[in-house]
Amino acid sequence: MLKTRVITALILAPLVVLALLYLDPVPLGLVFGMVIVLAAWEWAGLLNADPRLHRALRVLYPLLIAGAMASAVMDAQPIIVIAIGAAFWVWGASWLAFPDFGREINAYHTLLKVVVGVVVLVPAWVALMALHSAPLIGPWLVLYAIAIAWVADTGAYFAGRRFGRVKLAPRISPGKTREGAYGAMVLVAVYGLIGGWAFGERGGGLLMFAAVTTLAGVASILGDLLESLLKRHAGIKDSSALIPGHGGVLDRIDSLTAALPVFAFGVAFL
């Protein structure tokens, strides 16, 4: 399993970097749009719907997400979509405090998760495209934003192993600790200072850039926890087996669905 995981990562990581650096906006949007559509197919499997509805949602939900992305492009006001995606995580954090909410299989909870999926997946794609369109530094800004989740994971892992005592969300993800989360925030804040300096920020602008990066790091933790919550509701371990050794697409981008809109909304006002 570890060998498969490493080989897959060594193949996919360079492809993602090359796509971000060298693809024009339209093909880039299509490529990452397909990633979001696959994630939507997996999200349909997390809806915990009535079995009679489940098969239909597997087909219809990716179409709904694709239509929502197309509508977001035609609307030509990405900041509104990004703002909705960023603001959602305030409510999403409160949901994590009540992990049994939404577990019961009924029409209301299924509809709730359908709407949440739209608010999580579509703004993440719009945020990626908006960051990529930034003059001169767009592709590098996207790579920087994606790395926020990796830095947060690294900080949480090492701080959690060394200092972890108090569980962060024991009923959702028992392996995560509050100390690990603090370690993630510290390392992300340092990353924000280094990144802001590299992008030319100085003084107050540098501190603001680091603050936005840190908030995006916090959001990345929430994104990971939300997907874990939905998987527990559905009684599954991985969102799918589409990526050998890594589970599903959602398992790889859950942190980014939260970090990207928060970061994009923040840098829009720097």
Protein backbone atom coordinates (compact mmCIF):
# COMPACT_ATOMS: atom_id res chain seq x y z
CA MET A 1 0.00 0.00 0.00
CA LEU A 2 2.77 2.47 0.89
CA LYS A 3 4.60 1.72 -2.37
CA THR A 4 1.43 2.30 -4.37
CA ARG A 5 0.76 5.53 -2.46
CA VAL A 6 4.27 6.86 -3.15
CA ILE A 7 4.23 5.93 -6.84
CA THR A 8 0.84 7.58 -7.33
CA ALA A 9 2.02 10.76 -5.59
CA LEU A 10 5.20 10.87 -7.68
CA ILE A 11 3.09 10.70 -10.83
CA LEU A 12 0.27 13.06 -9.89
CA ALA A 13 2.21 15.84 -8.13
CA PRO A 14 4.36 16.79 -11.16
CA LEU A 15 1.28 16.64 -13.42
CA VAL A 16 -0.57 19.09 -11.18
CA VAL A 17 2.40 21.47 -11.10
CA LEU A 18 2.88 21.32 -14.89
CA ALA A 19 -0.82 21.91 -15.48
CA LEU A 20 -0.84 24.98 -13.22
CA LEU A 21 2.31 26.46 -14.74
CA TYR A 22 1.78 25.78 -18.43
CA LEU A 23 -1.90 25.31 -19.27
CA ASP A 24 -3.91 28.26 -20.53
CA PRO A 25 -6.97 29.27 -18.48
CA VAL A 26 -9.59 27.41 -20.56
CA PRO A 27 -7.90 23.98 -20.64
CA LEU A 28 -6.83 24.46 -17.02
CA GLY A 29 -10.42 25.16 -16.03
CA LEU A 30 -11.59 22.06 -17.88
CA VAL A 31 -8.96 19.82 -16.28
CA PHE A 32 -9.65 20.96 -12.74
CA GLY A 33 -13.36 21.13 -13.50
CA MET A 34 -13.22 17.40 -14.23
CA VAL A 35 -11.50 16.88 -10.88
CA ILE A 36 -14.39 18.67 -9.17
CA VAL A 37 -16.95 16.63 -11.14
CA LEU A 38 -15.27 13.41 -9.96
CA ALA A 39 -15.32 14.77 -6.41
CA ALA A 40 -19.04 15.49 -6.89
CA TRP A 41 -19.61 11.87 -7.90
CA GLU A 42 -17.93 10.84 -4.66
CA TRP A 43 -19.90 13.43 -2.68
CA ALA A 44 -23.09 11.79 -3.95
CA GLY A 45 -21.91 8.64 -2.21
CA LEU A 46 -21.66 10.58 1.08
CA LEU A 47 -25.20 11.91 0.98
CA ASN A 48 -26.49 8.97 3.02
CA ALA A 49 -29.64 9.00 0.91
CA ASP A 50 -32.41 6.47 0.64
CA PRO A 51 -31.14 3.54 -1.48
CA ARG A 52 -33.80 4.22 -4.10
CA LEU A 53 -32.45 7.74 -4.53
CA HIS A 54 -28.77 6.89 -4.26
CA ARG A 55 -28.28 5.61 -7.83
CA ALA A 56 -30.00 8.64 -9.34
CA LEU A 57 -27.90 11.04 -7.28
CA ARG A 58 -24.69 9.35 -8.45
CA VAL A 59 -25.62 10.43 -11.98
CA LEU A 60 -27.43 13.69 -11.37
CA TYR A 61 -25.23 15.28 -8.72
CA PRO A 62 -22.07 15.59 -10.87
CA LEU A 63 -24.27 17.17 -13.54
CA LEU A 64 -25.60 19.62 -10.95
CA ILE A 65 -22.08 20.61 -9.91
CA ALA A 66 -20.96 20.95 -13.54
CA GLY A 67 -23.95 23.20 -14.21
CA ALA A 68 -23.19 25.28 -11.12
CA MET A 69 -19.58 25.77 -12.27
CA ALA A 70 -20.75 26.82 -15.73
CA SER A 71 -23.21 29.25 -14.16
CA ALA A 72 -20.44 30.70 -11.96
CA VAL A 73 -18.31 31.34 -15.05
CA MET A 74 -21.14 33.04 -16.95
CA ASP A 75 -22.02 35.16 -13.92
CA ALA A 76 -18.54 36.73 -14.18
CA GLN A 77 -18.54 37.77 -10.49
CA PRO A 78 -16.20 35.21 -8.95
CA ILE A 79 -15.67 37.17 -5.74
CA ILE A 80 -19.31 36.60 -4.73
CA VAL A 81 -19.02 32.84 -5.23
CA ILE A 82 -15.69 32.83 -3.39
CA ALA A 83 -17.15 34.89 -0.53
CA ILE A 84 -20.02 32.41 -0.13
CA GLY A 85 -17.54 29.52 -0.10
CA ALA A 86 -15.33 31.22 2.48
CA ALA A 87 -18.23 32.27 4.72
CA PHE A 88 -19.66 28.75 4.72
CA TRP A 89 -16.82 27.49 6.90
CA VAL A 90 -18.02 29.60 9.82
CA TRP A 91 -21.21 27.54 9.80
CA GLY A 92 -19.27 24.39 8.88
CA ALA A 93 -17.19 24.75 12.03
CA SER A 94 -20.35 24.84 14.15
CA TRP A 95 -21.61 21.67 12.44
CA LEU A 96 -18.47 19.87 13.57
CA ALA A 97 -19.43 20.61 17.18
CA PHE A 98 -22.62 18.56 16.67
CA PRO A 99 -21.41 15.52 14.72
CA ASP A 100 -24.69 13.60 14.97
CA PHE A 101 -26.57 16.32 13.11
CA GLY A 102 -27.38 15.08 9.62
CA ARG A 103 -26.70 11.42 10.34
CA GLU A 104 -30.30 10.28 10.06
CA ILE A 105 -31.43 9.24 6.58
CA ASN A 106 -34.26 11.55 5.55
CA ALA A 107 -35.06 13.99 2.76
CA TYR A 108 -34.09 17.07 4.79
CA HIS A 109 -30.60 15.82 5.65
CA THR A 110 -30.01 14.62 2.09
CA LEU A 111 -31.04 18.02 0.71
CA LEU A 112 -28.80 19.75 3.24
CA LYS A 113 -25.77 17.74 2.12
CA VAL A 114 -26.63 18.36 -1.53
CA VAL A 115 -26.54 22.12 -0.91
CA VAL A 116 -23.40 21.90 1.23
CA GLY A 117 -21.64 20.03 -1.57
CA VAL A 118 -22.39 22.83 -4.01
CA VAL A 119 -21.13 25.47 -1.56
CA VAL A 120 -17.97 23.45 -0.87
CA LEU A 121 -16.99 22.25 -4.35
CA VAL A 122 -17.93 25.08 -6.70
CA PRO A 123 -16.25 27.97 -4.81
CA ALA A 124 -13.04 25.91 -4.53
CA TRP A 125 -12.87 25.64 -8.34
CA VAL A 126 -13.77 29.31 -8.81
CA ALA A 127 -11.13 30.34 -6.26
CA LEU A 128 -8.45 28.29 -8.02
CA MET A 129 -9.26 29.90 -11.35
CA ALA A 130 -9.40 33.40 -9.82
CA LEU A 131 -5.99 32.97 -8.18
CA HIS A 132 -4.54 31.57 -11.39
CA SER A 133 -5.70 34.67 -13.29
CA ALA A 134 -3.67 37.05 -11.10
CA PRO A 135 -1.23 38.95 -13.37
CA LEU A 136 2.32 37.56 -13.50
CA ILE A 137 2.15 35.51 -10.30
CA GLY A 138 -1.13 33.63 -10.77
CA PRO A 139 0.18 30.06 -11.23
CA TRP A 140 2.66 30.49 -8.38
CA LEU A 141 -0.07 31.91 -6.17
CA VAL A 142 -2.16 28.77 -6.77
CA LEU A 143 0.80 26.51 -5.99
CA TYR A 144 1.39 28.51 -2.82
CA ALA A 145 -2.28 28.18 -1.81
CA ILE A 146 -2.31 24.43 -2.45
CA ALA A 147 0.81 24.04 -0.32
CA ILE A 148 -0.98 25.67 2.64
CA ALA A 149 -2.84 22.40 3.23
CA TRP A 150 0.39 20.40 2.95
CA VAL A 151 2.16 22.69 5.43
CA ALA A 152 -0.79 22.47 7.84
CA ASP A 153 -0.77 18.67 7.62
CA THR A 154 2.98 18.61 8.29
CA GLY A 155 2.74 20.91 11.30
CA ALA A 156 -0.18 18.96 12.72
CA TYR A 157 1.57 15.63 12.25
CA PHE A 158 4.81 16.54 14.02
CA ALA A 159 3.24 18.66 16.76
CA GLY A 160 0.61 16.01 17.35
CA ARG A 161 3.20 13.25 17.66
CA ARG A 162 5.37 15.28 20.02
CA PHE A 163 2.83 17.12 22.14
CA GLY A 164 -0.58 15.61 21.32
CA ARG A 165 -2.72 14.99 24.37
CA VAL A 166 -6.20 16.46 23.93
CA LYS A 167 -8.37 15.14 21.10
CA LEU A 168 -9.57 17.79 18.66
CA ALA A 169 -12.69 16.02 17.43
CA PRO A 170 -12.73 12.50 18.89
CA ARG A 171 -16.08 11.53 17.37
CA ILE A 172 -15.03 12.61 13.89
CA SER A 173 -11.29 12.03 13.55
CA PRO A 174 -9.80 10.44 16.70
CA GLY A 175 -6.22 10.83 15.51
CA LYS A 176 -6.29 14.63 15.47
CA THR A 177 -5.31 16.62 18.57
CA ARG A 178 -5.61 20.24 19.60
CA GLU A 179 -1.85 20.42 20.00
CA GLY A 180 -1.49 19.19 16.43
CA ALA A 181 -3.86 21.93 15.27
CA TYR A 182 -1.82 24.55 17.13
CA GLY A 183 1.34 23.20 15.51
CA ALA A 184 -0.34 23.46 12.12
CA MET A 185 -1.25 27.10 12.72
CA VAL A 186 2.25 28.02 13.86
CA LEU A 187 3.93 26.39 10.87
CA VAL A 188 1.40 27.89 8.45
CA ALA A 189 1.95 31.35 9.96
CA VAL A 190 5.71 31.01 9.39
CA TYR A 191 5.00 29.80 5.86
CA GLY A 192 2.79 32.86 5.38
CA LEU A 193 5.59 35.23 6.40
CA ILE A 194 8.05 33.52 4.05
CA GLY A 195 5.53 33.38 1.22
CA GLY A 196 4.40 36.97 1.67
CA TRP A 197 8.01 38.16 1.58
CA ALA A 198 8.60 36.15 -1.60
CA PHE A 199 5.55 37.75 -3.22
CA GLY A 200 6.84 41.23 -2.38
CA GLU A 201 4.75 42.05 0.69
CA ARG A 202 6.35 44.18 3.38
CA GLY A 203 5.31 45.75 6.69
CA GLY A 204 1.60 45.58 7.42
CA GLY A 205 0.94 43.91 4.08
CA LEU A 206 3.26 41.08 5.03
CA LEU A 207 1.49 40.56 8.36
CA MET A 208 -1.89 40.58 6.62
CA PHE A 209 -0.70 38.05 4.05
CA ALA A 210 0.51 35.77 6.85
CA ALA A 211 -2.81 36.21 8.68
CA VAL A 212 -4.79 35.26 5.56
CA THR A 213 -2.54 32.24 5.05
CA THR A 214 -3.06 31.18 8.67
CA LEU A 215 -6.85 31.47 8.34
CA ALA A 216 -6.66 29.35 5.19
CA GLY A 217 -4.64 26.80 7.17
CA VAL A 218 -7.33 26.69 9.85
CA ALA A 219 -9.95 26.26 7.12
CA SER A 220 -7.97 23.36 5.66
CA ILE A 221 -8.36 21.51 8.97
CA LEU A 222 -12.11 22.17 8.91
CA GLY A 223 -12.36 20.88 5.35
CA ASP A 224 -10.67 17.65 6.31
CA LEU A 225 -12.90 17.22 9.35
CA LEU A 226 -16.10 17.89 7.40
CA GLU A 227 -15.34 15.15 4.89
CA SER A 228 -14.46 12.80 7.76
CA LEU A 229 -17.81 13.64 9.36
CA LEU A 230 -19.74 12.85 6.18
CA LYS A 231 -17.84 9.60 5.70
CA ARG A 232 -18.77 8.56 9.24
CA HIS A 233 -22.40 9.36 8.51
CA ALA A 234 -22.20 7.20 5.38
CA GLY A 235 -20.25 4.45 7.14
CA ILE A 236 -17.33 4.39 4.71
CA LYS A 237 -13.56 4.77 5.10
CA ASP A 238 -12.63 6.40 1.76
CA SER A 239 -14.73 8.52 -0.57
CA SER A 240 -13.83 6.07 -3.38
CA ALA A 241 -10.89 4.08 -4.73
CA LEU A 242 -10.22 6.27 -7.78
CA ILE A 243 -6.65 7.16 -6.75
CA PRO A 244 -4.54 4.05 -6.05
CA GLY A 245 -3.19 4.12 -2.52
CA HIS A 246 -4.90 7.41 -1.71
CA GLY A 247 -8.60 6.65 -1.69
CA GLY A 248 -10.77 9.09 -3.58
CA VAL A 249 -10.47 12.53 -5.09
CA LEU A 250 -12.28 14.07 -2.12
CA ASP A 251 -9.82 12.41 0.23
CA ARG A 252 -7.05 14.37 -1.52
CA ILE A 253 -8.77 17.74 -1.95
CA ASP A 254 -10.98 17.98 1.15
CA SER A 255 -8.58 20.44 2.83
CA LEU A 256 -8.26 22.48 -0.36
CA THR A 257 -12.01 22.91 -0.77
CA ALA A 258 -11.87 25.05 2.36
CA ALA A 259 -8.40 26.61 2.08
CA LEU A 260 -8.70 27.88 -1.51
CA PRO A 261 -11.81 30.10 -1.14
CA VAL A 262 -10.65 31.46 2.24
CA PHE A 263 -7.23 32.32 0.85
CA ALA A 264 -8.59 33.74 -2.42
CA PHE A 265 -11.10 35.92 -0.58
CA GLY A 266 -8.39 37.21 1.73
CA VAL A 267 -5.82 38.08 -0.93
CA ALA A 268 -8.50 39.84 -2.99
CA PHE A 269 -8.50 42.59 -0.37
CA LEU A 270 -4.77 42.84 0.34
